[in-house]
Amino acid sequence: MVPTKKGRGQRNVAPWFFAQDGGFYVRCRYGFRYLHFQDDNNALFVRDLHGVGSALNALAAAAQNGELDEAIAQSIVRGRQ
């Protein structure tokens, strides 16, 4: 839980990863929507907790290089439908 901007309460913060299938799935959000990657998947699978950090670093680098622009554009289009 984190405080809200006006300090009147707290809100839950959803984690960017979750454990399942013997590993971890890492998801990336743009606003309220999850970004979809190859084959319309909205998560990257990693085998261990160390891989979660590597996946998050890779997503940050991809965002800085503009590689997520297409996924962001598709999430906006999906939201309008």
N, C-alpha and C. Protein backbone atom coordinates (compact mmCIF):
# COMPACT_ATOMS: atom_id res chain seq x y z
N MET A 1 0.84 -1.17 0.00
CA MET A 1 0.00 0.00 0.00
C MET A 1 0.89 1.24 0.00
N VAL A 2 0.49 2.22 -0.79
CA VAL A 2 1.19 3.50 -0.83
C VAL A 2 0.18 4.61 -0.59
N PRO A 3 0.63 5.73 -0.03
CA PRO A 3 -0.31 6.84 0.19
C PRO A 3 -0.75 7.45 -1.14
N THR A 4 -1.95 7.97 -1.19
CA THR A 4 -2.43 8.65 -2.38
C THR A 4 -1.78 10.03 -2.46
N LYS A 5 -1.91 10.69 -3.60
CA LYS A 5 -1.28 11.98 -3.80
C LYS A 5 -1.74 13.04 -2.80
N LYS A 6 -3.01 13.02 -2.50
CA LYS A 6 -3.54 14.03 -1.58
C LYS A 6 -3.43 13.60 -0.12
N GLY A 7 -2.91 12.39 0.12
CA GLY A 7 -2.69 11.93 1.48
C GLY A 7 -3.94 11.53 2.23
N ARG A 8 -5.04 11.29 1.54
CA ARG A 8 -6.30 10.96 2.20
C ARG A 8 -6.52 9.47 2.39
N GLY A 9 -5.63 8.67 1.94
CA GLY A 9 -5.81 7.23 2.08
C GLY A 9 -4.64 6.50 1.46
N GLN A 10 -4.85 5.22 1.22
CA GLN A 10 -3.83 4.39 0.62
C GLN A 10 -4.44 3.60 -0.53
N ARG A 11 -3.60 3.21 -1.46
CA ARG A 11 -4.07 2.40 -2.57
C ARG A 11 -3.14 1.22 -2.74
N ASN A 12 -3.68 0.13 -3.22
CA ASN A 12 -2.89 -1.07 -3.49
C ASN A 12 -2.07 -0.87 -4.75
N VAL A 13 -0.87 -1.37 -4.75
CA VAL A 13 -0.01 -1.34 -5.92
C VAL A 13 0.15 -2.78 -6.39
N ALA A 14 -0.26 -3.05 -7.61
CA ALA A 14 -0.17 -4.41 -8.14
C ALA A 14 1.29 -4.72 -8.50
N PRO A 15 1.75 -5.91 -8.17
CA PRO A 15 3.13 -6.27 -8.52
C PRO A 15 3.27 -6.47 -10.03
N TRP A 16 4.49 -6.28 -10.51
CA TRP A 16 4.77 -6.45 -11.94
C TRP A 16 5.05 -7.89 -12.29
N PHE A 17 5.12 -8.78 -11.30
CA PHE A 17 5.41 -10.19 -11.58
C PHE A 17 4.63 -11.07 -10.61
N PHE A 18 4.45 -12.33 -11.00
CA PHE A 18 3.78 -13.30 -10.14
C PHE A 18 4.35 -14.68 -10.43
N ALA A 19 4.31 -15.55 -9.40
CA ALA A 19 4.83 -16.91 -9.52
C ALA A 19 3.76 -17.84 -10.06
N GLN A 20 4.16 -18.66 -11.04
CA GLN A 20 3.25 -19.65 -11.61
C GLN A 20 4.04 -20.57 -12.53
N ASP A 21 3.64 -21.82 -12.67
CA ASP A 21 4.25 -22.78 -13.58
C ASP A 21 5.74 -23.00 -13.31
N GLY A 22 6.15 -22.95 -12.06
CA GLY A 22 7.54 -23.22 -11.71
C GLY A 22 8.49 -22.08 -12.03
N GLY A 23 7.97 -20.89 -12.25
CA GLY A 23 8.80 -19.72 -12.55
C GLY A 23 8.01 -18.46 -12.24
N PHE A 24 8.38 -17.40 -12.91
CA PHE A 24 7.73 -16.11 -12.68
C PHE A 24 7.32 -15.50 -14.01
N TYR A 25 6.17 -14.85 -14.03
CA TYR A 25 5.71 -14.10 -15.18
C TYR A 25 5.86 -12.61 -14.86
N VAL A 26 6.44 -11.87 -15.78
CA VAL A 26 6.67 -10.43 -15.62
C VAL A 26 5.79 -9.71 -16.64
N ARG A 27 4.98 -8.75 -16.15
CA ARG A 27 4.10 -7.99 -17.04
C ARG A 27 4.47 -6.52 -17.00
N CYS A 28 4.17 -5.85 -18.08
CA CYS A 28 4.45 -4.42 -18.20
C CYS A 28 3.14 -3.71 -18.50
N ARG A 29 2.88 -2.62 -17.79
CA ARG A 29 1.64 -1.88 -17.97
C ARG A 29 1.91 -0.51 -18.58
N TYR A 30 0.93 -0.05 -19.32
CA TYR A 30 0.88 1.32 -19.81
C TYR A 30 -0.46 1.85 -19.36
N GLY A 31 -0.45 2.69 -18.35
CA GLY A 31 -1.71 3.15 -17.77
C GLY A 31 -2.38 2.00 -17.06
N PHE A 32 -3.62 1.71 -17.42
CA PHE A 32 -4.36 0.63 -16.80
C PHE A 32 -4.29 -0.66 -17.60
N ARG A 33 -3.60 -0.66 -18.72
CA ARG A 33 -3.57 -1.82 -19.60
C ARG A 33 -2.20 -2.50 -19.60
N TYR A 34 -2.23 -3.83 -19.71
CA TYR A 34 -0.99 -4.58 -19.86
C TYR A 34 -0.57 -4.55 -21.32
N LEU A 35 0.71 -4.39 -21.55
CA LEU A 35 1.22 -4.41 -22.92
C LEU A 35 1.31 -5.85 -23.39
N HIS A 36 0.98 -6.08 -24.66
CA HIS A 36 1.04 -7.41 -25.26
C HIS A 36 2.31 -7.52 -26.07
N PHE A 37 3.00 -8.66 -25.91
CA PHE A 37 4.24 -8.91 -26.62
C PHE A 37 3.98 -9.93 -27.71
N GLN A 38 5.01 -10.68 -28.13
CA GLN A 38 4.88 -11.64 -29.22
C GLN A 38 3.73 -12.60 -28.98
N ASP A 39 3.07 -12.99 -30.03
CA ASP A 39 1.95 -13.94 -29.98
C ASP A 39 0.84 -13.50 -29.03
N ASP A 40 0.67 -12.20 -28.87
CA ASP A 40 -0.41 -11.64 -28.06
C ASP A 40 -0.31 -12.01 -26.58
N ASN A 41 0.89 -12.35 -26.10
CA ASN A 41 1.10 -12.63 -24.67
C ASN A 41 1.31 -11.32 -23.93
N ASN A 42 0.79 -11.23 -22.72
CA ASN A 42 0.98 -10.02 -21.94
C ASN A 42 1.98 -10.21 -20.81
N ALA A 43 2.79 -11.30 -20.88
CA ALA A 43 3.77 -11.54 -19.83
C ALA A 43 5.00 -12.24 -20.41
N LEU A 44 6.14 -11.99 -19.77
CA LEU A 44 7.38 -12.68 -20.11
C LEU A 44 7.64 -13.71 -19.02
N PHE A 45 8.03 -14.93 -19.39
CA PHE A 45 8.29 -15.98 -18.42
C PHE A 45 9.78 -16.07 -18.13
N VAL A 46 10.12 -16.11 -16.84
CA VAL A 46 11.50 -16.33 -16.41
C VAL A 46 11.49 -17.46 -15.38
N ARG A 47 12.60 -18.18 -15.28
CA ARG A 47 12.65 -19.37 -14.43
C ARG A 47 12.91 -19.08 -12.96
N ASP A 48 13.61 -17.99 -12.63
CA ASP A 48 13.94 -17.74 -11.23
C ASP A 48 13.76 -16.26 -10.89
N LEU A 49 13.87 -15.95 -9.61
CA LEU A 49 13.64 -14.59 -9.15
C LEU A 49 14.70 -13.62 -9.69
N HIS A 50 15.91 -14.10 -9.91
CA HIS A 50 16.96 -13.25 -10.50
C HIS A 50 16.56 -12.84 -11.91
N GLY A 51 15.87 -13.72 -12.62
CA GLY A 51 15.41 -13.41 -13.97
C GLY A 51 14.37 -12.30 -14.01
N VAL A 52 13.64 -12.12 -12.91
CA VAL A 52 12.64 -11.04 -12.85
C VAL A 52 13.34 -9.69 -12.98
N GLY A 53 14.42 -9.51 -12.24
CA GLY A 53 15.18 -8.26 -12.33
C GLY A 53 15.75 -8.04 -13.71
N SER A 54 16.25 -9.10 -14.32
CA SER A 54 16.79 -9.00 -15.68
C SER A 54 15.70 -8.63 -16.68
N ALA A 55 14.52 -9.24 -16.51
CA ALA A 55 13.40 -8.93 -17.41
C ALA A 55 12.95 -7.49 -17.25
N LEU A 56 12.89 -7.00 -16.02
CA LEU A 56 12.50 -5.61 -15.78
C LEU A 56 13.54 -4.65 -16.37
N ASN A 57 14.82 -4.98 -16.24
CA ASN A 57 15.87 -4.15 -16.86
C ASN A 57 15.76 -4.16 -18.37
N ALA A 58 15.45 -5.32 -18.95
CA ALA A 58 15.29 -5.42 -20.40
C ALA A 58 14.09 -4.59 -20.87
N LEU A 59 12.98 -4.62 -20.10
CA LEU A 59 11.82 -3.81 -20.45
C LEU A 59 12.13 -2.32 -20.36
N ALA A 60 12.90 -1.92 -19.35
CA ALA A 60 13.28 -0.51 -19.22
C ALA A 60 14.15 -0.08 -20.39
N ALA A 61 15.09 -0.91 -20.78
CA ALA A 61 15.96 -0.59 -21.92
C ALA A 61 15.15 -0.52 -23.22
N ALA A 62 14.20 -1.45 -23.37
CA ALA A 62 13.36 -1.44 -24.57
C ALA A 62 12.51 -0.18 -24.63
N ALA A 63 12.01 0.26 -23.49
CA ALA A 63 11.21 1.49 -23.45
C ALA A 63 12.06 2.70 -23.83
N GLN A 64 13.29 2.76 -23.33
CA GLN A 64 14.17 3.89 -23.64
C GLN A 64 14.57 3.90 -25.11
N ASN A 65 14.66 2.72 -25.72
CA ASN A 65 15.05 2.64 -27.13
C ASN A 65 13.86 2.74 -28.08
N GLY A 66 12.65 2.89 -27.55
CA GLY A 66 11.47 3.02 -28.39
C GLY A 66 10.93 1.70 -28.91
N GLU A 67 11.41 0.59 -28.37
CA GLU A 67 11.00 -0.72 -28.86
C GLU A 67 9.60 -1.12 -28.37
N LEU A 68 9.06 -0.43 -27.40
CA LEU A 68 7.72 -0.74 -26.89
C LEU A 68 6.65 0.17 -27.50
N ASP A 69 7.05 1.06 -28.39
CA ASP A 69 6.10 2.01 -28.97
C ASP A 69 4.95 1.31 -29.68
N GLU A 70 5.25 0.24 -30.43
CA GLU A 70 4.20 -0.48 -31.15
C GLU A 70 3.23 -1.15 -30.17
N ALA A 71 3.76 -1.75 -29.12
CA ALA A 71 2.90 -2.40 -28.12
C ALA A 71 2.03 -1.37 -27.42
N ILE A 72 2.57 -0.19 -27.15
CA ILE A 72 1.79 0.88 -26.52
C ILE A 72 0.68 1.34 -27.46
N ALA A 73 1.01 1.52 -28.73
CA ALA A 73 0.01 1.93 -29.71
C ALA A 73 -1.11 0.91 -29.82
N GLN A 74 -0.77 -0.37 -29.79
CA GLN A 74 -1.79 -1.42 -29.86
C GLN A 74 -2.66 -1.43 -28.61
N SER A 75 -2.08 -1.14 -27.46
CA SER A 75 -2.90 -1.11 -26.23
C SER A 75 -3.89 0.04 -26.26
N ILE A 76 -3.50 1.15 -26.87
CA ILE A 76 -4.41 2.29 -27.00
C ILE A 76 -5.56 1.94 -27.92
N VAL A 77 -5.27 1.28 -29.03
CA VAL A 77 -6.30 0.88 -29.97
C VAL A 77 -7.26 -0.11 -29.33
N ARG A 78 -6.73 -1.08 -28.57
CA ARG A 78 -7.59 -2.06 -27.88
C ARG A 78 -8.52 -1.38 -26.88
N GLY A 79 -8.03 -0.34 -26.23
CA GLY A 79 -8.83 0.36 -25.24
C GLY A 79 -9.99 1.12 -25.86
N ARG A 80 -9.86 1.53 -27.08
CA ARG A 80 -10.92 2.30 -27.75
C ARG A 80 -12.02 1.40 -28.30
N GLN A 81 -11.74 0.13 -28.45
CA GLN A 81 -12.72 -0.78 -29.06
C GLN A 81 -13.76 -1.21 -28.07
